[in-house]
Amino acid sequence: MLGHPIGHSKSPALHNAAYKVIGAHFSYTALDIEVPELPGLLERVRAEGNWYGLSVTMPLKNAAVALLDELSPVASTLGAVNTIVCTTPPDGGTHLRGENTDVPGIVNALRYAGVRERPRAAILGGGGTAVSAIAALAHLQASEVVVFVRNPAKAADVLDVASKVDVRASLEPFAGAADAMAGFDVVISTLPPHGADGLAATLDGQGGEQLDGALLLDVAYDPWPSALAAAWEKRGGTVVAGIEMLLYQGVEQVKLFARAGGYGTLATDKQGDVINVMCDAIGVGRRKPHEQNMAG
């Protein structure tokens, strides 16, 4: 796993539990890498030829795109990857394909929480995870998406992606987010840890409308509960921990990496076992069989 900062990541526990249950002899570790170091690391991956995949988190999701040999249709549309699959073509070398499993990760986390079609939604933040949130909300046929950003100039990609996936979206100043939250069915915070603490303090301190069950998915899961999640619940809203998104996007990564490593569809065939050991590894409740049918 690549990113910065990364010491808090639960992905190694998540992935290693999955590989153990399917009998894959993989080693999955976290590497603290910042954007300037990424080209060198990927050159090392190409040279060594014994990597099957990499997970990519902030701030590398956009930077990785131009360094890969191929992008999946979703990753190409979004201009962001969270997964790199490494394969060896017949003519040798290492082929790097960018994927984006954040989209099914968000969709399945929201569906597990009970969200159905056509929610009115908001996104906090305009970076690499925000474009994945746009695509996930398109999958749920969101009636409208409002993206709250601090710097509109840096969020142009979000509106571009919204146009590509046919979602009605607009940008609004982040300063007005607190007053608007009660008007949404679903809010997805794509901000890094503590990135929404100021918004949380405003929500916690202001009077006005209750959130009345409106659902928040906060992708930042450490520390947990986040200040935003605590303030949200205090105002009567419902919270989905970001670790749910981590779980579901991780399941899709395991399937991709297992296939690249020569284990075929084993992770898909044993999906129920994979999901449950991953739940155990990160301390969330196991899924019932009918909850293991996921959107891909």
Protein backbone atom coordinates (compact mmCIF):
# COMPACT_ATOMS: atom_id res chain seq x y z
CA MET A 1 0.00 0.00 0.00
CA LEU A 2 1.31 3.42 -1.00
CA GLY A 3 0.45 6.82 0.45
CA HIS A 4 1.28 9.50 3.02
CA PRO A 5 0.67 9.51 5.93
CA ILE A 6 0.04 5.80 6.17
CA GLY A 7 1.03 4.62 9.63
CA HIS A 8 -2.62 4.42 10.72
CA SER A 9 -3.68 2.18 7.81
CA LYS A 10 -5.66 -0.98 8.50
CA SER A 11 -5.19 -2.23 4.95
CA PRO A 12 -2.32 -4.62 5.75
CA ALA A 13 -4.42 -6.45 8.35
CA LEU A 14 -7.37 -6.46 5.96
CA HIS A 15 -5.49 -7.88 3.00
CA ASN A 16 -3.28 -10.36 4.83
CA ALA A 17 -6.34 -11.93 6.46
CA ALA A 18 -7.91 -12.39 3.05
CA TYR A 19 -4.82 -13.93 1.47
CA LYS A 20 -4.49 -16.37 4.35
CA VAL A 21 -8.06 -17.64 3.94
CA ILE A 22 -7.61 -18.26 0.20
CA GLY A 23 -4.12 -19.71 0.63
CA ALA A 24 -2.33 -17.05 -1.39
CA HIS A 25 1.34 -16.64 -0.52
CA PHE A 26 1.39 -12.85 -0.67
CA SER A 27 2.99 -10.27 1.60
CA TYR A 28 1.10 -6.97 1.86
CA THR A 29 2.75 -4.04 3.63
CA ALA A 30 2.39 -0.25 3.88
CA LEU A 31 4.98 2.00 2.23
CA ASP A 32 5.02 5.70 3.14
CA ILE A 33 5.45 7.35 -0.26
CA GLU A 34 4.86 10.96 -1.28
CA VAL A 35 4.20 12.20 -4.81
CA PRO A 36 7.86 12.95 -5.80
CA GLU A 37 8.87 9.41 -4.79
CA LEU A 38 6.16 7.62 -6.77
CA PRO A 39 7.91 7.39 -10.19
CA GLY A 40 10.96 5.80 -8.61
CA LEU A 41 8.89 3.29 -6.69
CA LEU A 42 6.98 2.24 -9.81
CA GLU A 43 10.27 1.83 -11.69
CA ARG A 44 11.40 -0.47 -8.89
CA VAL A 45 8.17 -2.47 -9.27
CA ARG A 46 8.81 -2.83 -13.00
CA ALA A 47 12.43 -3.86 -12.48
CA GLU A 48 11.81 -6.42 -9.74
CA GLY A 49 8.95 -8.13 -11.56
CA ASN A 50 7.59 -9.92 -8.50
CA TRP A 51 4.77 -7.56 -7.48
CA TYR A 52 1.12 -8.47 -8.10
CA GLY A 53 -0.51 -5.21 -7.09
CA LEU A 54 -0.45 -2.02 -5.07
CA SER A 55 -3.12 -0.12 -3.21
CA VAL A 56 -2.89 3.64 -3.67
CA THR A 57 -4.22 6.23 -1.25
CA MET A 58 -3.90 9.99 -0.75
CA PRO A 59 -2.10 11.98 -2.07
CA LEU A 60 -1.18 9.64 -4.94
CA LYS A 61 -4.50 8.77 -6.57
CA ASN A 62 -4.27 11.38 -9.31
CA ALA A 63 -0.48 11.43 -9.62
CA ALA A 64 -0.30 7.71 -10.41
CA VAL A 65 -2.51 7.97 -13.51
CA ALA A 66 0.14 9.30 -15.90
CA LEU A 67 2.71 6.72 -14.77
CA LEU A 68 0.76 3.58 -15.73
CA ASP A 69 0.54 1.54 -18.94
CA GLU A 70 -3.23 1.20 -18.97
CA LEU A 71 -6.32 2.38 -17.13
CA SER A 72 -9.62 0.62 -16.60
CA PRO A 73 -12.60 2.47 -18.10
CA VAL A 74 -13.66 3.70 -14.65
CA ALA A 75 -10.17 4.87 -13.69
CA SER A 76 -9.81 6.61 -17.07
CA THR A 77 -13.12 8.42 -16.65
CA LEU A 78 -12.28 9.52 -13.11
CA GLY A 79 -8.62 10.35 -13.68
CA ALA A 80 -7.89 8.66 -10.34
CA VAL A 81 -6.70 5.21 -9.31
CA ASN A 82 -6.61 3.47 -5.95
CA THR A 83 -5.37 0.15 -7.30
CA ILE A 84 -2.47 -0.87 -9.54
CA VAL A 85 -2.48 -4.41 -10.92
CA CYS A 86 0.90 -5.81 -11.99
CA THR A 87 1.05 -8.48 -14.68
CA THR A 88 3.74 -9.98 -16.94
CA PRO A 89 2.84 -9.86 -20.65
CA PRO A 90 4.11 -12.56 -23.06
CA ASP A 91 6.90 -10.32 -24.31
CA GLY A 92 8.22 -9.83 -20.77
CA GLY A 93 8.46 -6.81 -18.51
CA THR A 94 5.82 -5.65 -16.06
CA HIS A 95 2.51 -4.16 -17.15
CA LEU A 96 0.84 -1.73 -14.75
CA ARG A 97 -2.93 -1.28 -15.01
CA GLY A 98 -4.77 1.31 -12.94
CA GLU A 99 -8.14 0.44 -11.43
CA ASN A 100 -10.52 2.24 -9.11
CA THR A 101 -12.24 0.08 -6.48
CA ASP A 102 -13.20 3.12 -4.39
CA VAL A 103 -16.39 3.35 -6.46
CA PRO A 104 -17.82 -0.08 -5.54
CA GLY A 105 -16.41 0.49 -2.04
CA ILE A 106 -18.58 3.58 -1.58
CA VAL A 107 -21.61 2.04 -3.30
CA ASN A 108 -21.54 -1.09 -1.16
CA ALA A 109 -20.90 0.81 2.09
CA LEU A 110 -23.93 3.00 1.39
CA ARG A 111 -26.11 0.08 0.35
CA TYR A 112 -25.15 -1.88 3.46
CA ALA A 113 -26.29 1.16 5.46
CA GLY A 114 -29.66 1.11 3.72
CA VAL A 115 -29.27 3.81 1.06
CA ARG A 116 -31.35 3.16 -2.02
CA GLU A 117 -31.76 4.93 -5.34
CA ARG A 118 -31.99 8.67 -6.10
CA PRO A 119 -30.67 10.31 -2.93
CA ARG A 120 -30.00 14.05 -2.81
CA ALA A 121 -26.32 14.06 -1.92
CA ALA A 122 -23.42 16.25 -0.89
CA ILE A 123 -19.68 15.67 -1.05
CA LEU A 124 -17.17 17.38 1.21
CA GLY A 125 -13.88 17.96 -0.59
CA GLY A 126 -12.87 17.95 -4.24
CA GLY A 127 -9.87 15.63 -4.55
CA GLY A 128 -9.24 12.11 -5.85
CA THR A 129 -11.76 10.41 -3.57
CA ALA A 130 -14.42 13.00 -4.43
CA VAL A 131 -14.47 11.91 -8.08
CA SER A 132 -14.99 8.32 -6.92
CA ALA A 133 -17.85 9.54 -4.76
CA ILE A 134 -19.39 11.23 -7.81
CA ALA A 135 -19.24 7.97 -9.76
CA ALA A 136 -20.70 6.01 -6.83
CA LEU A 137 -23.59 8.47 -6.55
CA ALA A 138 -24.16 8.12 -10.30
CA HIS A 139 -24.48 4.37 -9.68
CA LEU A 140 -27.16 5.16 -7.10
CA GLN A 141 -28.85 7.55 -9.54
CA ALA A 142 -28.50 10.55 -7.22
CA SER A 143 -31.03 13.25 -8.04
CA GLU A 144 -28.48 15.99 -7.31
CA VAL A 145 -24.95 16.31 -5.93
CA VAL A 146 -23.54 19.44 -4.29
CA VAL A 147 -19.77 19.47 -3.77
CA PHE A 148 -18.48 21.72 -0.99
CA VAL A 149 -14.90 22.83 -1.62
CA ARG A 150 -12.43 25.34 -0.23
CA ASN A 151 -10.76 26.02 -3.58
CA PRO A 152 -13.12 25.76 -6.58
CA ALA A 153 -10.21 26.07 -9.03
CA LYS A 154 -8.82 22.76 -7.80
CA ALA A 155 -12.18 20.99 -8.10
CA ALA A 156 -12.77 21.39 -11.83
CA ASP A 157 -12.12 17.67 -12.34
CA VAL A 158 -15.09 16.85 -10.13
CA LEU A 159 -17.53 18.69 -12.38
CA ASP A 160 -15.89 17.19 -15.45
CA VAL A 161 -16.40 13.68 -14.08
CA ALA A 162 -19.98 14.50 -13.08
CA SER A 163 -20.67 15.47 -16.68
CA LYS A 164 -19.13 12.23 -17.97
CA VAL A 165 -21.22 10.04 -15.65
CA ASP A 166 -24.38 12.10 -16.18
CA VAL A 167 -24.81 13.45 -12.66
CA ARG A 168 -26.26 16.91 -11.98
CA ALA A 169 -23.57 18.49 -9.80
CA SER A 170 -22.55 21.93 -8.59
CA LEU A 171 -19.79 23.47 -6.48
CA GLU A 172 -20.48 25.47 -3.33
CA PRO A 173 -18.10 27.21 -0.88
CA PHE A 174 -17.06 24.99 2.00
CA ALA A 175 -17.82 27.83 4.39
CA GLY A 176 -21.53 27.32 3.78
CA ALA A 177 -21.58 23.57 4.31
CA ALA A 178 -22.76 23.52 7.92
CA ASP A 179 -25.92 25.48 7.17
CA ALA A 180 -26.78 23.23 4.22
CA MET A 181 -26.27 19.76 5.72
CA ALA A 182 -29.88 19.24 6.83
CA GLY A 183 -31.05 19.34 3.22
CA PHE A 184 -29.34 16.13 2.07
CA ASP A 185 -30.16 12.42 2.28
CA VAL A 186 -26.50 11.40 1.99
CA VAL A 187 -23.27 13.28 2.71
CA ILE A 188 -19.87 11.82 1.83
CA SER A 189 -16.85 13.41 3.47
CA THR A 190 -13.75 12.73 1.37
CA LEU A 191 -11.52 14.89 3.55
CA PRO A 192 -8.40 13.52 5.28
CA PRO A 193 -8.34 12.88 9.06
CA HIS A 194 -9.23 16.08 10.95
CA GLY A 195 -10.01 17.82 7.66
CA ALA A 196 -13.62 18.34 8.72
CA ASP A 197 -12.96 19.25 12.37
CA GLY A 198 -13.91 22.90 11.79
CA LEU A 199 -17.20 21.88 10.20
CA ALA A 200 -17.81 19.51 13.11
CA ALA A 201 -17.28 22.31 15.62
CA THR A 202 -19.78 24.49 13.77
CA LEU A 203 -22.37 21.70 13.65
CA ASP A 204 -21.80 20.93 17.30
CA GLY A 205 -22.21 24.55 18.36
CA GLN A 206 -25.07 25.80 16.24
CA GLY A 207 -28.77 25.45 16.80
CA GLY A 208 -31.20 25.08 13.96
CA GLU A 209 -32.43 22.03 12.10
CA GLN A 210 -31.73 18.50 13.20
CA LEU A 211 -30.30 16.10 10.66
CA ASP A 212 -33.16 13.62 11.21
CA GLY A 213 -31.47 10.44 10.04
CA ALA A 214 -29.49 11.97 7.15
CA LEU A 215 -26.60 9.63 6.45
CA LEU A 216 -22.93 10.59 6.64
CA LEU A 217 -20.17 8.42 5.18
CA ASP A 218 -16.86 9.74 6.54
CA VAL A 219 -14.05 8.06 4.60
CA ALA A 220 -11.50 9.04 7.29
CA TYR A 221 -11.63 6.18 9.78
CA ASP A 222 -8.72 6.96 12.11
CA PRO A 223 -9.24 8.39 14.66
CA TRP A 224 -12.77 7.10 15.07
CA PRO A 225 -15.27 8.39 15.72
CA SER A 226 -14.14 11.47 13.88
CA ALA A 227 -15.18 14.84 15.23
CA LEU A 228 -17.57 15.14 12.27
CA ALA A 229 -19.15 11.74 12.94
CA ALA A 230 -19.67 12.59 16.62
CA ALA A 231 -21.24 15.95 15.81
CA TRP A 232 -23.41 14.37 13.12
CA GLU A 233 -24.87 11.79 15.48
CA LYS A 234 -25.42 14.45 18.14
CA ARG A 235 -27.60 16.33 15.65
CA GLY A 236 -29.73 13.24 14.94
CA GLY A 237 -27.96 11.96 11.83
CA THR A 238 -26.82 8.44 10.96
CA VAL A 239 -23.12 7.66 10.46
CA VAL A 240 -21.35 5.09 8.32
CA ALA A 241 -17.70 4.66 9.27
CA GLY A 242 -15.12 4.97 6.53
CA ILE A 243 -13.88 1.53 7.49
CA GLU A 244 -16.95 0.14 5.70
CA MET A 245 -15.72 1.70 2.46
CA LEU A 246 -12.23 0.34 3.21
CA LEU A 247 -13.70 -3.14 3.61
CA TYR A 248 -15.66 -3.19 0.38
CA GLN A 249 -13.02 -1.58 -1.83
CA GLY A 250 -10.50 -4.00 -0.31
CA VAL A 251 -12.58 -7.03 -1.29
CA GLU A 252 -12.44 -5.90 -4.92
CA GLN A 253 -8.67 -5.34 -4.68
CA VAL A 254 -8.14 -8.83 -3.28
CA LYS A 255 -9.99 -10.31 -6.27
CA LEU A 256 -7.79 -8.35 -8.68
CA PHE A 257 -4.52 -9.15 -6.93
CA ALA A 258 -5.37 -12.84 -6.52
CA ARG A 259 -6.06 -13.11 -10.24
CA ALA A 260 -2.80 -11.35 -11.09
CA GLY A 261 -0.91 -13.67 -8.73
CA GLY A 262 -2.16 -16.85 -10.39
CA TYR A 263 -5.05 -17.72 -8.08
CA GLY A 264 -7.72 -17.22 -10.72
CA THR A 265 -11.22 -16.61 -9.37
CA LEU A 266 -10.50 -18.15 -5.97
CA ALA A 267 -11.12 -14.90 -4.07
CA THR A 268 -14.43 -14.47 -5.91
CA ASP A 269 -15.42 -18.10 -5.34
CA LYS A 270 -14.70 -17.72 -1.61
CA GLN A 271 -16.07 -14.18 -1.34
CA GLY A 272 -18.14 -14.91 1.77
CA ASP A 273 -15.11 -16.23 3.66
CA VAL A 274 -12.97 -13.34 2.40
CA ILE A 275 -15.48 -10.73 3.58
CA ASN A 276 -15.87 -12.29 7.00
CA VAL A 277 -12.15 -12.64 7.80
CA MET A 278 -11.61 -9.08 6.61
CA CYS A 279 -14.41 -7.95 8.94
CA ASP A 280 -12.68 -9.78 11.80
CA ALA A 281 -9.34 -8.16 10.94
CA ILE A 282 -10.68 -4.62 11.23
CA GLY A 283 -13.18 -5.20 14.04
CA VAL A 284 -16.50 -4.79 12.26
CA GLY A 285 -19.44 -7.16 12.32
CA ARG A 286 -19.48 -10.13 9.98
CA ARG A 287 -21.89 -10.00 7.04
CA LYS A 288 -24.86 -12.31 6.62
CA PRO A 289 -25.01 -14.23 3.34
CA HIS A 290 -27.60 -11.90 1.80
CA GLU A 291 -25.35 -8.93 2.64
CA GLN A 292 -22.44 -10.35 0.65
CA ASN A 293 -23.94 -9.74 -2.77
CA MET A 294 -22.09 -6.63 -3.78
CA ALA A 295 -22.19 -4.15 -6.61
CA GLY A 296 -19.05 -4.57 -8.70
